[in-house]
Structures are given as structure tokens and as C-alpha cells.
Protein backbone atom coordinates (compact mmCIF):
# COMPACT_ATOMS: atom_id res chain seq x y z
CA UNK A 1 81.15 136.91 72.77
CA UNK A 2 82.56 141.30 73.81
CA UNK A 3 86.22 139.89 70.86
CA UNK A 4 83.98 140.85 68.13
CA UNK A 5 83.43 144.10 69.77
CA UNK A 6 85.69 146.68 66.39
CA UNK A 7 87.81 148.57 68.31
CA UNK A 8 86.76 151.77 67.02
CA UNK A 9 83.64 151.17 69.27
CA UNK A 10 85.43 150.27 72.81
CA UNK A 11 87.32 153.23 71.75
CA UNK A 12 84.14 155.18 71.76
CA UNK A 13 82.45 154.00 74.89
CA UNK A 14 85.57 154.01 77.07
CA UNK A 15 83.49 156.62 79.61
CA UNK A 16 80.53 154.03 79.60
CA UNK A 17 80.96 152.02 82.77
CA UNK A 18 78.63 150.94 85.15
CA UNK A 19 80.31 152.22 87.35
CA UNK A 20 82.12 150.69 90.97
CA UNK A 21 79.79 152.92 93.68
CA UNK A 22 76.97 149.97 92.01
CA UNK A 23 78.86 146.70 93.27
CA UNK A 24 76.86 144.71 95.96
CA UNK A 25 79.69 145.25 98.80
CA UNK A 26 79.42 149.25 97.86
CA UNK A 27 75.93 148.94 99.19
CA UNK A 28 75.45 150.73 102.14
CA UNK A 29 72.10 148.18 102.97
CA UNK A 30 74.07 145.14 102.63
CA UNK A 31 77.27 145.52 103.99
CA UNK A 32 77.35 147.96 106.44
CA UNK A 33 79.11 148.11 109.35
CA UNK A 34 81.06 144.93 108.39
CA UNK A 35 84.21 143.10 109.02
CA UNK A 36 86.73 142.91 106.87
CA UNK A 37 87.49 138.94 105.61
CA UNK A 38 91.58 138.78 103.95
CA UNK A 39 90.20 137.44 100.95
CA UNK A 40 93.22 136.68 97.92
CA UNK A 41 94.43 134.42 95.15
CA UNK A 42 96.93 132.38 94.75
CA UNK A 43 96.94 132.79 90.70
CA UNK A 44 97.24 136.71 90.78
CA UNK A 45 97.82 139.50 93.57
CA UNK A 46 95.37 142.30 94.53
CA UNK A 47 95.19 145.15 91.88
CA UNK A 48 96.66 143.23 88.93
CA UNK A 49 96.03 141.71 86.23
CA UNK A 50 94.37 138.24 85.02
CA UNK A 51 96.10 135.57 83.62
CA UNK A 52 94.90 134.53 80.70
CA UNK A 53 94.09 130.72 81.28
CA UNK A 54 90.87 132.69 83.87
CA UNK A 55 89.38 134.17 80.40
CA UNK A 56 87.44 134.08 77.09
CA UNK A 57 91.19 134.52 75.15
CA UNK A 58 92.78 131.46 77.11
CA UNK A 59 90.17 128.09 79.04
CA UNK A 60 87.96 130.13 81.15
CA UNK A 61 88.41 128.22 84.10
CA UNK A 62 87.69 130.15 87.24
CA UNK A 63 90.80 131.21 89.72
CA UNK A 64 91.39 129.70 92.44
CA UNK A 65 90.54 131.72 95.44
CA UNK A 66 91.93 131.94 99.62
CA UNK A 67 89.87 133.55 102.71
CA UNK A 68 91.50 134.11 106.16
CA UNK A 69 89.86 133.72 109.47
CA UNK A 70 85.87 134.32 109.76
CA UNK A 71 83.66 135.97 112.12
CA UNK A 72 82.40 133.99 114.94
CA UNK A 73 78.89 132.94 114.55
CA UNK A 74 79.61 132.10 110.52
CA UNK A 75 76.82 130.44 109.69
CA UNK A 76 77.20 130.29 105.60
CA UNK A 77 79.38 132.49 103.14
CA UNK A 78 78.48 133.84 99.26
CA UNK A 79 80.35 134.73 96.59
CA UNK A 80 79.41 137.45 93.13
CA UNK A 81 82.17 138.68 91.44
CA UNK A 82 80.83 141.47 88.80
CA UNK A 83 82.64 144.44 86.80
CA UNK A 84 81.82 147.20 87.17
CA UNK A 85 83.43 148.93 84.07
CA UNK A 86 81.14 146.71 82.27
CA UNK A 87 79.29 149.59 79.17
CA UNK A 88 75.86 149.34 80.62
CA UNK A 89 73.94 150.58 83.35
CA UNK A 90 74.20 147.19 86.40
CA UNK A 91 78.37 146.32 87.02
CA UNK A 92 78.44 142.87 84.76
CA UNK A 93 77.99 139.90 86.76
CA UNK A 94 80.21 136.23 86.16
CA UNK A 95 79.24 134.58 89.75
CA UNK A 96 76.96 133.72 92.07
CA UNK A 97 78.41 131.09 94.00
CA UNK A 98 76.11 130.82 97.50
CA UNK A 99 75.88 127.82 100.72
CA UNK A 100 79.97 128.05 101.04
CA UNK A 101 79.97 126.04 104.42
CA UNK A 102 81.57 128.36 107.60
CA UNK A 103 84.29 125.81 107.70
CA UNK A 104 86.05 126.18 104.02
CA UNK A 105 89.18 128.58 103.11
CA UNK A 106 88.53 128.85 99.24
CA UNK A 107 88.22 127.40 96.24
CA UNK A 108 90.12 125.17 93.86
CA UNK A 109 90.31 126.57 90.28
CA UNK A 110 87.76 125.91 88.35
CA UNK A 111 85.28 124.88 91.18
CA UNK A 112 83.27 127.93 89.77
CA UNK A 113 80.55 125.33 87.64
CA UNK A 114 77.70 124.66 86.43
CA UNK A 115 75.76 122.93 89.17
CA UNK A 116 77.01 119.04 89.36
CA UNK A 117 80.19 119.46 87.18
CA UNK A 118 82.24 119.76 89.98
CA UNK A 119 80.18 118.80 92.86
CA UNK A 120 79.43 122.19 93.45
CA UNK A 121 75.11 123.05 93.80
CA UNK A 122 75.37 126.54 94.82
CA UNK A 123 75.80 128.11 91.63
CA UNK A 124 73.54 131.06 90.39
CA UNK A 125 73.45 132.79 87.83
CA UNK A 126 75.39 134.91 85.67
CA UNK A 127 74.12 137.63 83.94
CA UNK A 128 74.45 135.82 81.02
CA UNK A 129 71.13 133.43 82.67
CA UNK A 130 73.58 130.02 82.35
CA UNK A 131 75.31 129.32 86.07
CA UNK A 132 78.90 128.60 86.06
CA UNK A 133 81.88 131.04 85.30
CA UNK A 134 81.05 134.03 83.13
CA UNK A 135 85.11 134.42 81.77
CA UNK A 136 85.98 138.46 81.74
CA UNK A 137 85.99 139.59 78.09
CA UNK A 138 86.49 143.37 77.81
CA UNK A 139 86.08 145.07 74.53
CA UNK A 140 89.16 145.46 72.25
CA UNK A 141 89.77 149.24 72.73
CA UNK A 142 87.72 150.14 76.42
CA UNK A 143 90.26 150.26 78.11
CA UNK A 144 91.55 148.06 81.68
CA UNK A 145 87.80 146.19 83.35
CA UNK A 146 88.27 145.44 87.55
CA UNK A 147 86.79 141.69 87.86
CA UNK A 148 85.19 142.51 91.88
CA UNK A 149 85.65 139.49 93.57
CA UNK A 150 83.04 140.15 96.54
CA UNK A 151 82.56 137.23 99.36
CA UNK A 152 80.06 137.55 102.52
CA UNK A 153 80.41 136.10 105.98
CA UNK A 154 76.53 135.41 106.42
CA UNK A 155 75.20 134.79 109.68
CA UNK A 156 72.37 132.65 108.21
CA UNK A 157 71.27 131.20 105.72
CA UNK A 158 69.34 132.66 103.02
CA UNK A 159 66.82 131.95 102.15
CA UNK A 160 67.20 131.31 97.88
CA UNK A 161 65.85 130.20 95.38
CA UNK A 162 68.00 127.44 93.93
CA UNK A 163 69.22 129.07 90.61
CA UNK A 164 69.21 132.62 91.98
CA UNK A 165 70.99 136.31 90.00
CA UNK A 166 72.23 138.67 91.53
CA UNK A 167 68.73 140.64 92.59
CA UNK A 168 68.17 137.09 94.41
CA UNK A 169 71.11 137.48 96.63
CA UNK A 170 71.38 140.57 97.01
CA UNK A 171 67.98 140.51 99.28
CA UNK A 172 68.80 137.47 100.67
CA UNK A 173 72.03 138.31 102.06
CA UNK A 174 70.99 141.92 102.65
CA UNK A 175 70.96 142.36 106.39
CA UNK A 176 72.77 139.57 106.98
CA UNK A 177 76.59 140.20 106.01
CA UNK A 178 78.74 139.42 109.21
CA UNK A 179 81.74 140.01 107.36
CA UNK A 180 83.01 140.72 103.82
CA UNK A 181 86.10 140.79 102.28
CA UNK A 182 87.12 142.12 98.16
CA UNK A 183 89.79 141.19 96.09
CA UNK A 184 90.26 143.16 92.29
CA UNK A 185 91.24 141.07 89.02
CA UNK A 186 91.90 143.45 85.72
CA UNK A 187 91.95 142.43 82.81
CA UNK A 188 92.03 145.09 78.60
CA UNK A 189 92.21 143.99 75.40
CA UNK A 190 94.16 145.37 72.31
CA UNK A 191 96.53 148.17 74.81
CA UNK A 192 99.75 147.84 76.50
CA UNK A 193 99.95 145.27 78.98
CA UNK A 194 102.37 147.28 81.07
CA UNK A 195 99.52 149.98 80.62
CA UNK A 196 97.19 147.98 81.12
CA UNK A 197 96.50 147.43 85.28
CA UNK A 198 94.92 150.23 87.19
CA UNK A 199 94.67 150.81 90.38
CA UNK A 200 91.24 149.13 92.10
CA UNK A 201 89.89 149.27 95.48
CA UNK A 202 91.45 148.02 98.05
CA UNK A 203 91.34 144.70 100.09
CA UNK A 204 88.44 143.84 102.79
CA UNK A 205 84.51 145.15 103.49
CA UNK A 206 83.11 148.21 102.97
CA UNK A 207 82.50 150.92 106.13
């Protein structure tokens, strides 16, 4: 959808961004005191550009993710992917997954899909109010966008409805986070690839 925004308008909006301080993982009441989860992807390095296949310029599937050891007492995991560089008041939500079992070690490519499409039953609503993965689709000329993959290890199964959005997820995990991990992928349109990457947050938990 945002690929149709003209480059001149994207350029004018370049300074209009939601901000990294509004990411879920940056909220003190969510992840304060949490230890770090080693979150990564075999498809891209932390802070590196996302391959086109995971974006609106490719087939638009979700990237594979892997994570390291979880703290003792982890009952379940939740994942939210947000774009804090979106020209909006709040980060754009690209995916919500909850109810991930504590004995899992990652998600396969394309696994963030509407409930039932790949056997998943715990995928929430993105900012376009649909289930599954919302492929990165930044406006042309708006500059590089960070896509923040945020993973939370929870000490208890959250009370949450079957199709949660961002607010419902935050309410459900607040005060229940044992550990958190952060992985940043970047993407842009209308800029040289050599200049398209920018420094993101380091992988780890928020102090």
C-alpha cells in the first residue's frame, strides 16, 4: 500500500516517525528488570537489511527466527514486530504471535500466518487489522526503517483473547516478563542500498 506514496511526499515526511521509545520492549512497565534472550535470524544479521522476499517487494513471507536459552520458570513466549520509523503516532505493528511454547527454539520462514494456515492458532492482529505477517512496505524516499522483532519470555500464560492487538498484548504481558530479546532488520525504498542501513538497537533486553 505505502509503495504508492510518491517519493516527494515520502521525503517531506522523512522526519515524521513514531520513535523507538514507543516500542513495546522500551516500556519500563513491560520489560524492566528482564534478562536478555539471544534472538537472531539465519536470514539477516542484527541491524542489516531485510532480504526482499520478506517485504512487500517480494513474496512477503515472515523471516525465520531462532532464540537461545530461556530463563528458568518460562511458561510461554510472545512476539511482536513493530516499525518505529513509520510516519505515525505509534509504531506500526507487523506481527503479533503469542502462546509460543517454552520448549520451542524458533519460528520457521512463513510461520507467522493467519490462524490455521500453517497450523498456528495464536497469531494476533497487525496494524492493518488482519492476522499474520504484514510485509515491510515503507514509503519511497522516507529513509531507512527499523523493524523491531521483540520476544518476551513470560512466567505465566497471559489472559488474552484469541485475536489480540497491540494494546491487548501489552496489558497481558505487563509485569509478567522474565526475559526479552530484540532483533532489528532494516528496509527502505528509493535509496542506494549501501546507504540504506542504519544503526539499530543492540540485541538484548531493556534495563
